PDB file of N, CA and C in Angstrom:
ATOM      1  N   MET A   1     -40.435   0.836  -7.398  1.00  0.00           N
ATOM      2  CA  MET A   1     -39.189  -0.108  -7.670  1.00  0.00           C
ATOM      3  C   MET A   1     -39.071   0.679  -9.189  1.00  0.00           C
ATOM      4  N   LYS A   2     -37.596   0.631  -9.082  1.00  0.00           N
ATOM      5  CA  LYS A   2     -37.112   1.455 -10.362  1.00  0.00           C
ATOM      6  C   LYS A   2     -36.086   0.704 -11.041  1.00  0.00           C
ATOM      7  N   GLU A   3     -35.907   0.355 -12.207  1.00  0.00           N
ATOM      8  CA  GLU A   3     -34.413  -0.105 -12.541  1.00  0.00           C
ATOM      9  C   GLU A   3     -33.552   1.267 -12.995  1.00  0.00           C
ATOM     10  N   ASP A   4     -32.364   1.451 -12.556  1.00  0.00           N
ATOM     11  CA  ASP A   4     -31.684   2.288 -13.383  1.00  0.00           C
ATOM     12  C   ASP A   4     -29.931   1.565 -13.385  1.00  0.00           C
ATOM     13  N   ASP A   5     -29.635   1.804 -14.891  1.00  0.00           N
ATOM     14  CA  ASP A   5     -28.099   1.073 -15.067  1.00  0.00           C
ATOM     15  C   ASP A   5     -27.822  -0.182 -14.112  1.00  0.00           C
ATOM     16  N   GLY A   6     -29.047  -1.130 -14.077  1.00  0.00           N
ATOM     17  CA  GLY A   6     -29.324  -2.503 -13.836  1.00  0.00           C
ATOM     18  C   GLY A   6     -28.986  -2.628 -12.367  1.00  0.00           C
ATOM     19  N   ALA A   7     -29.134  -1.360 -11.693  1.00  0.00           N
ATOM     20  CA  ALA A   7     -29.114  -1.792  -9.934  1.00  0.00           C
ATOM     21  C   ALA A   7     -30.753  -1.220  -9.684  1.00  0.00           C
ATOM     22  N   GLN A   8     -31.317  -1.893  -8.901  1.00  0.00           N
ATOM     23  CA  GLN A   8     -32.788  -1.875  -8.443  1.00  0.00           C
ATOM     24  C   GLN A   8     -32.468  -0.851  -6.901  1.00  0.00           C
ATOM     25  N   GLU A   9     -33.344   0.228  -7.064  1.00  0.00           N
ATOM     26  CA  GLU A   9     -33.664   1.412  -6.177  1.00  0.00           C
ATOM     27  C   GLU A   9     -35.079   1.102  -5.676  1.00  0.00           C
ATOM     28  N   HIS A  10     -35.196   0.614  -4.268  1.00  0.00           N
ATOM     29  CA  HIS A  10     -35.909   0.455  -3.397  1.00  0.00           C
ATOM     30  C   HIS A  10     -36.624   1.368  -2.490  1.00  0.00           C
ATOM     31  N   ALA A  11     -37.729   1.772  -2.422  1.00  0.00           N
ATOM     32  CA  ALA A  11     -38.209   2.473  -1.720  1.00  0.00           C
ATOM     33  C   ALA A  11     -39.537   1.983  -0.559  1.00  0.00           C
ATOM     34  N   GLU A  12     -38.967   2.041   0.574  1.00  0.00           N
ATOM     35  CA  GLU A  12     -39.767   1.603   1.774  1.00  0.00           C
ATOM     36  C   GLU A  12     -40.645   2.736   2.560  1.00  0.00           C
ATOM     37  N   ILE A  13     -41.724   2.445   2.717  1.00  0.00           N
ATOM     38  CA  ILE A  13     -42.367   3.423   3.099  1.00  0.00           C
ATOM     39  C   ILE A  13     -42.703   3.383   4.338  1.00  0.00           C
ATOM     40  N   ILE A  14     -42.582   4.356   5.232  1.00  0.00           N
ATOM     41  CA  ILE A  14     -42.573   4.561   6.519  1.00  0.00           C
ATOM     42  C   ILE A  14     -44.012   5.015   7.048  1.00  0.00           C
ATOM     43  N   SER A  15     -43.751   6.753   6.388  1.00  0.00           N
ATOM     44  CA  SER A  15     -45.230   7.347   6.638  1.00  0.00           C
ATOM     45  C   SER A  15     -46.017   7.637   5.326  1.00  0.00           C
ATOM     46  N   PHE A  16     -47.545   7.072   5.386  1.00  0.00           N
ATOM     47  CA  PHE A  16     -48.030   7.536   4.349  1.00  0.00           C
ATOM     48  C   PHE A  16     -47.959   8.722   3.755  1.00  0.00           C
ATOM     49  N   GLY A  17     -48.362   9.628   4.643  1.00  0.00           N
ATOM     50  CA  GLY A  17     -48.150  11.066   4.758  1.00  0.00           C
ATOM     51  C   GLY A  17     -46.678  11.615   3.911  1.00  0.00           C
ATOM     52  N   ALA A  18     -46.228  10.938   4.834  1.00  0.00           N
ATOM     53  CA  ALA A  18     -44.866  11.581   3.899  1.00  0.00           C
ATOM     54  C   ALA A  18     -44.839  10.851   2.280  1.00  0.00           C
ATOM     55  N   ALA A  19     -44.913   9.408   2.237  1.00  0.00           N
ATOM     56  CA  ALA A  19     -44.785   9.173   1.014  1.00  0.00           C
ATOM     57  C   ALA A  19     -45.842  10.064  -0.234  1.00  0.00           C
ATOM     58  N   SER A  20     -47.003  10.438   0.508  1.00  0.00           N
ATOM     59  CA  SER A  20     -47.937  11.209  -0.468  1.00  0.00           C
ATOM     60  C   SER A  20     -47.388  12.612  -0.674  1.00  0.00           C
ATOM     61  N   ARG A  21     -46.667  13.102   0.086  1.00  0.00           N
ATOM     62  CA  ARG A  21     -46.115  14.464  -0.170  1.00  0.00           C
ATOM     63  C   ARG A  21     -44.925  14.080  -1.179  1.00  0.00           C
ATOM     64  N   TRP A  22     -44.142  13.077  -1.544  1.00  0.00           N
ATOM     65  CA  TRP A  22     -43.022  12.811  -2.165  1.00  0.00           C
ATOM     66  C   TRP A  22     -43.729  12.442  -3.119  1.00  0.00           C
ATOM     67  N   MET A  23     -44.377  11.742  -3.843  1.00  0.00           N
ATOM     68  CA  MET A  23     -45.524  11.556  -4.553  1.00  0.00           C
ATOM     69  C   MET A  23     -46.078  12.870  -5.303  1.00  0.00           C
ATOM     70  N   LYS A  24     -46.268  13.985  -4.847  1.00  0.00           N
ATOM     71  CA  LYS A  24     -46.681  14.997  -5.315  1.00  0.00           C
ATOM     72  C   LYS A  24     -45.953  15.381  -5.899  1.00  0.00           C
ATOM     73  N   ILE A  25     -44.091  15.060  -5.890  1.00  0.00           N
ATOM     74  CA  ILE A  25     -43.009  15.991  -6.364  1.00  0.00           C
ATOM     75  C   ILE A  25     -43.198  15.078  -8.149  1.00  0.00           C
ATOM     76  N   PRO A  26     -43.014  16.580  -8.780  1.00  0.00           N
ATOM     77  CA  PRO A  26     -42.838  15.638 -10.159  1.00  0.00           C
ATOM     78  C   PRO A  26     -42.001  14.601 -10.871  1.00  0.00           C
ATOM     79  N   GLN A  27     -42.038  13.530 -11.158  1.00  0.00           N
ATOM     80  CA  GLN A  27     -40.930  12.469 -11.079  1.00  0.00           C
ATOM     81  C   GLN A  27     -39.721  12.908 -11.928  1.00  0.00           C
ATOM     82  N   ALA A  28     -39.746  13.922 -12.554  1.00  0.00           N
ATOM     83  CA  ALA A  28     -38.467  14.285 -12.674  1.00  0.00           C
ATOM     84  C   ALA A  28     -37.376  15.156 -11.658  1.00  0.00           C
ATOM     85  N   ASP A  29     -38.293  15.616 -11.087  1.00  0.00           N
ATOM     86  CA  ASP A  29     -37.515  16.537  -9.664  1.00  0.00           C
ATOM     87  C   ASP A  29     -37.506  15.406  -8.763  1.00  0.00           C
ATOM     88  N   ARG A  30     -38.237  14.536  -8.657  1.00  0.00           N
ATOM     89  CA  ARG A  30     -37.652  12.959  -7.444  1.00  0.00           C
ATOM     90  C   ARG A  30     -36.563  12.505  -8.191  1.00  0.00           C
ATOM     91  N   ASP A  31     -36.394  11.928  -9.327  1.00  0.00           N
ATOM     92  CA  ASP A  31     -35.283  11.531  -9.912  1.00  0.00           C
ATOM     93  C   ASP A  31     -33.954  12.558  -9.872  1.00  0.00           C
ATOM     94  N   MET A  32     -33.850  13.696  -9.600  1.00  0.00           N
ATOM     95  CA  MET A  32     -33.081  14.692  -9.695  1.00  0.00           C
ATOM     96  C   MET A  32     -32.684  14.562  -7.926  1.00  0.00           C
ATOM     97  N   LEU A  33     -33.343  14.152  -6.998  1.00  0.00           N
ATOM     98  CA  LEU A  33     -33.002  14.373  -5.850  1.00  0.00           C
ATOM     99  C   LEU A  33     -32.984  13.560  -5.421  1.00  0.00           C
ATOM    100  N   LEU A  34     -33.160  11.829  -5.838  1.00  0.00           N
ATOM    101  CA  LEU A  34     -32.611  10.497  -5.710  1.00  0.00           C
ATOM    102  C   LEU A  34     -31.000  10.278  -6.248  1.00  0.00           C
ATOM    103  N   ASN A  35     -30.877  11.684  -7.216  1.00  0.00           N
ATOM    104  CA  ASN A  35     -29.749  11.354  -7.795  1.00  0.00           C
ATOM    105  C   ASN A  35     -28.225  12.083  -7.343  1.00  0.00           C
ATOM    106  N   ASN A  36     -29.049  12.954  -6.201  1.00  0.00           N
ATOM    107  CA  ASN A  36     -28.231  14.202  -5.678  1.00  0.00           C
ATOM    108  C   ASN A  36     -28.116  14.075  -4.397  1.00  0.00           C
ATOM    109  N   VAL A  37     -27.496  13.333  -3.933  1.00  0.00           N
ATOM    110  CA  VAL A  37     -27.294  12.930  -2.250  1.00  0.00           C
ATOM    111  C   VAL A  37     -25.815  12.907  -2.316  1.00  0.00           C
ATOM    112  N   PHE A  38     -25.226  13.352  -1.153  1.00  0.00           N
ATOM    113  CA  PHE A  38     -24.134  13.878  -0.808  1.00  0.00           C
ATOM    114  C   PHE A  38     -23.518  12.335   0.286  1.00  0.00           C
ATOM    115  N   CYS A  39     -22.722  11.721  -0.397  1.00  0.00           N
ATOM    116  CA  CYS A  39     -22.035  10.739   0.391  1.00  0.00           C
ATOM    117  C   CYS A  39     -20.868  10.879   1.021  1.00  0.00           C
ATOM    118  N   GLY A  40     -20.979  11.092   2.428  1.00  0.00           N
ATOM    119  CA  GLY A  40     -19.231  11.868   3.442  1.00  0.00           C
ATOM    120  C   GLY A  40     -18.283  10.479   2.806  1.00  0.00           C
ATOM    121  N   HIS A  41     -18.844   9.239   2.798  1.00  0.00           N
ATOM    122  CA  HIS A  41     -17.660   8.089   2.274  1.00  0.00           C
ATOM    123  C   HIS A  41     -17.192   8.105   0.898  1.00  0.00           C
ATOM    124  N   CYS A  42     -17.938   8.912   0.306  1.00  0.00           N
ATOM    125  CA  CYS A  42     -17.383   8.535  -0.993  1.00  0.00           C
ATOM    126  C   CYS A  42     -16.967   9.791  -1.185  1.00  0.00           C
ATOM    127  N   GLY A  43     -16.876  10.754  -0.837  1.00  0.00           N
ATOM    128  CA  GLY A  43     -16.767  12.238  -0.998  1.00  0.00           C
ATOM    129  C   GLY A  43     -17.491  13.111  -1.969  1.00  0.00           C
ATOM    130  N   ASP A  44     -18.800  12.308  -2.636  1.00  0.00           N
ATOM    131  CA  ASP A  44     -19.218  12.857  -3.687  1.00  0.00           C
ATOM    132  C   ASP A  44     -21.024  12.741  -3.925  1.00  0.00           C
ATOM    133  N   VAL A  45     -21.463  13.193  -4.904  1.00  0.00           N
ATOM    134  CA  VAL A  45     -22.809  13.003  -4.827  1.00  0.00           C
ATOM    135  C   VAL A  45     -22.585  11.724  -5.686  1.00  0.00           C
ATOM    136  N   VAL A  46     -23.766  11.270  -4.982  1.00  0.00           N
ATOM    137  CA  VAL A  46     -24.195  10.034  -5.312  1.00  0.00           C
ATOM    138  C   VAL A  46     -25.760   9.597  -5.354  1.00  0.00           C
ATOM    139  N   THR A  47     -25.925   8.462  -6.009  1.00  0.00           N
ATOM    140  CA  THR A  47     -27.639   8.093  -5.930  1.00  0.00           C
ATOM    141  C   THR A  47     -27.942   7.446  -4.763  1.00  0.00           C
ATOM    142  N   ILE A  48     -29.284   7.704  -3.808  1.00  0.00           N
ATOM    143  CA  ILE A  48     -29.369   6.689  -3.198  1.00  0.00           C
ATOM    144  C   ILE A  48     -30.179   5.586  -3.538  1.00  0.00           C
ATOM    145  N   VAL A  49     -29.892   4.410  -2.681  1.00  0.00           N
ATOM    146  CA  VAL A  49     -30.797   3.356  -2.968  1.00  0.00           C
ATOM    147  C   VAL A  49     -31.091   2.845  -1.996  1.00  0.00           C
ATOM    148  N   ASP A  50     -32.514   1.906  -1.568  1.00  0.00           N
ATOM    149  CA  ASP A  50     -32.963   1.401  -0.547  1.00  0.00           C
ATOM    150  C   ASP A  50     -33.463   2.048   0.888  1.00  0.00           C
ATOM    151  N   TYR A  51     -33.884   3.077   0.035  1.00  0.00           N
ATOM    152  CA  TYR A  51     -34.347   4.407   0.888  1.00  0.00           C
ATOM    153  C   TYR A  51     -35.670   4.537   1.554  1.00  0.00           C
ATOM    154  N   THR A  52     -35.788   4.756   2.332  1.00  0.00           N
ATOM    155  CA  THR A  52     -37.060   5.275   3.516  1.00  0.00           C
ATOM    156  C   THR A  52     -37.475   6.248   3.397  1.00  0.00           C
ATOM    157  N   ILE A  53     -38.701   6.455   3.234  1.00  0.00           N
ATOM    158  CA  ILE A  53     -39.421   8.352   3.147  1.00  0.00           C
ATOM    159  C   ILE A  53     -39.983   8.386   4.347  1.00  0.00           C
ATOM    160  N   GLU A  54     -39.383   9.715   5.261  1.00  0.00           N
ATOM    161  CA  GLU A  54     -39.992   9.704   6.395  1.00  0.00           C
ATOM    162  C   GLU A  54     -40.359  11.457   6.814  1.00  0.00           C
ATOM    163  N   PRO A  55     -41.071  11.614   7.607  1.00  0.00           N
ATOM    164  CA  PRO A  55     -41.785  12.842   7.601  1.00  0.00           C
ATOM    165  C   PRO A  55     -40.618  13.685   8.461  1.00  0.00           C
ATOM    166  N   ASP A  56     -40.390  15.236   8.304  1.00  0.00           N
ATOM    167  CA  ASP A  56     -39.701  15.858   9.407  1.00  0.00           C
ATOM    168  C   ASP A  56     -40.494  17.322   9.069  1.00  0.00           C
ATOM    169  N   LYS A  57     -40.062  17.881  10.265  1.00  0.00           N
ATOM    170  CA  LYS A  57     -40.625  19.037  10.101  1.00  0.00           C
ATOM    171  C   LYS A  57     -40.555  19.948   9.133  1.00  0.00           C
ATOM    172  N   PHE A  58     -39.453  20.004   8.773  1.00  0.00           N
ATOM    173  CA  PHE A  58     -39.239  20.657   7.242  1.00  0.00           C
ATOM    174  C   PHE A  58     -39.731  20.354   6.359  1.00  0.00           C
ATOM    175  N   GLY A  59     -40.360  19.146   5.849  1.00  0.00           N
ATOM    176  CA  GLY A  59     -40.616  18.122   4.810  1.00  0.00           C
ATOM    177  C   GLY A  59     -40.648  16.848   5.048  1.00  0.00           C
ATOM    178  N   ILE A  60     -39.613  16.188   4.043  1.00  0.00           N
ATOM    179  CA  ILE A  60     -39.375  14.526   3.889  1.00  0.00           C
ATOM    180  C   ILE A  60     -38.151  14.326   3.948  1.00  0.00           C
ATOM    181  N   VAL A  61     -37.709  13.028   4.434  1.00  0.00           N
ATOM    182  CA  VAL A  61     -36.032  12.835   4.699  1.00  0.00           C
ATOM    183  C   VAL A  61     -36.303  11.675   3.840  1.00  0.00           C
ATOM    184  N   LEU A  62     -35.478  11.161   2.832  1.00  0.00           N
ATOM    185  CA  LEU A  62     -34.771  10.559   2.255  1.00  0.00           C
ATOM    186  C   LEU A  62     -33.602   9.454   3.212  1.00  0.00           C
ATOM    187  N   GLN A  63     -33.674   8.503   3.442  1.00  0.00           N
ATOM    188  CA  GLN A  63     -32.337   7.772   4.587  1.00  0.00           C
ATOM    189  C   GLN A  63     -32.556   6.411   3.838  1.00  0.00           C
ATOM    190  N   GLY A  64     -31.133   6.221   3.338  1.00  0.00           N
ATOM    191  CA  GLY A  64     -30.749   4.812   2.156  1.00  0.00           C
ATOM    192  C   GLY A  64     -29.285   4.715   2.457  1.00  0.00           C
ATOM    193  N   LYS A  65     -28.805   3.911   1.543  1.00  0.00           N
ATOM    194  CA  LYS A  65     -27.604   3.787   1.436  1.00  0.00           C
ATOM    195  C   LYS A  65     -27.044   4.266   0.028  1.00  0.00           C
ATOM    196  N   CYS A  66     -25.695   4.754   0.005  1.00  0.00           N
ATOM    197  CA  CYS A  66     -24.838   4.833  -1.065  1.00  0.00           C
ATOM    198  C   CYS A  66     -25.373   4.079  -2.079  1.00  0.00           C
ATOM    199  N   LYS A  67     -25.600   4.313  -3.620  1.00  0.00           N
ATOM    200  CA  LYS A  67     -25.277   3.228  -4.408  1.00  0.00           C
ATOM    201  C   LYS A  67     -24.026   2.506  -5.063  1.00  0.00           C
ATOM    202  N   ASN A  68     -22.629   3.362  -4.604  1.00  0.00           N
ATOM    203  CA  ASN A  68     -21.696   3.367  -5.301  1.00  0.00           C
ATOM    204  C   ASN A  68     -20.676   2.131  -3.724  1.00  0.00           C
ATOM    205  N   CYS A  69     -21.280   2.833  -2.616  1.00  0.00           N
ATOM    206  CA  CYS A  69     -20.256   1.903  -1.743  1.00  0.00           C
ATOM    207  C   CYS A  69     -20.949   1.327  -0.688  1.00  0.00           C
ATOM    208  N   GLY A  70     -22.487   2.108  -0.645  1.00  0.00           N
ATOM    209  CA  GLY A  70     -23.228   0.859   0.357  1.00  0.00           C
ATOM    210  C   GLY A  70     -23.488   2.216   2.182  1.00  0.00           C
ATOM    211  N   HIS A  71     -22.580   3.091   1.739  1.00  0.00           N
ATOM    212  CA  HIS A  71     -22.896   3.876   3.368  1.00  0.00           C
ATOM    213  C   HIS A  71     -23.978   4.400   3.582  1.00  0.00           C
ATOM    214  N   GLU A  72     -24.161   4.853   4.471  1.00  0.00           N
ATOM    215  CA  GLU A  72     -25.273   5.104   4.958  1.00  0.00           C
ATOM    216  C   GLU A  72     -25.663   6.687   4.323  1.00  0.00           C
ATOM    217  N   VAL A  73     -26.569   7.148   3.412  1.00  0.00           N
ATOM    218  CA  VAL A  73     -26.814   8.622   3.732  1.00  0.00           C
ATOM    219  C   VAL A  73     -28.258   8.828   3.516  1.00  0.00           C
ATOM    220  N   ALA A  74     -28.556  10.231   3.593  1.00  0.00           N
ATOM    221  CA  ALA A  74     -29.855  10.731   3.705  1.00  0.00           C
ATOM    222  C   ALA A  74     -29.796  12.097   2.917  1.00  0.00           C
ATOM    223  N   ARG A  75     -31.321  12.529   2.715  1.00  0.00           N
ATOM    224  CA  ARG A  75     -31.439  13.795   1.999  1.00  0.00           C
ATOM    225  C   ARG A  75     -32.688  14.293   2.785  1.00  0.00           C
ATOM    226  N   LEU A  76     -32.756  15.437   2.648  1.00  0.00           N
ATOM    227  CA  LEU A  76     -33.482  16.450   3.180  1.00  0.00           C
ATOM    228  C   LEU A  76     -34.337  17.183   2.006  1.00  0.00           C
ATOM    229  N   VAL A  77     -35.525  16.943   2.006  1.00  0.00           N
ATOM    230  CA  VAL A  77     -36.265  17.646   1.168  1.00  0.00           C
ATOM    231  C   VAL A  77     -37.011  18.258   1.296  1.00  0.00           C
ATOM    232  N   GLU A  78     -36.914  19.686   1.795  1.00  0.00           N
ATOM    233  CA  GLU A  78     -37.993  20.695   1.904  1.00  0.00           C
ATOM    234  C   GLU A  78     -38.719  21.193   1.245  1.00  0.00           C
ATOM    235  N   MET A  79     -40.378  21.566   2.491  1.00  0.00           N
ATOM    236  CA  MET A  79     -41.736  21.736   1.741  1.00  0.00           C
ATOM    237  C   MET A  79     -42.161  22.474   2.448  1.00  0.00           C
ATOM    238  N   GLU A  80     -43.341  23.298   1.775  1.00  0.00           N
ATOM    239  CA  GLU A  80     -43.887  23.697   2.655  1.00  0.00           C
ATOM    240  C   GLU A  80     -45.098  23.041   3.565  1.00  0.00           C
ATOM    241  N   SER A  81     -45.119  23.657   4.556  1.00  0.00           N
ATOM    242  CA  SER A  81     -46.315  22.648   5.442  1.00  0.00           C
ATOM    243  C   SER A  81     -47.932  22.537   4.243  1.00  0.00           C
TER     244      SER A  81
END
């Protein structure tokens, strides 16, 4: 759990393999990815909160909610196998 501007961001682990791959990314890069998610409802780049970390054939997927409006958002993080 991370506190940012008074709002709490929670991550739920769906796959330990995906979580392990996520944790191998440097903290600064993880923060950049969490704060660089497009929300179709807001029409802007937002922060993802209450997200899950799931495996994907291209890497991992963060699925959660827009910090601003609560709409569902997702971010693909491409990684080499």
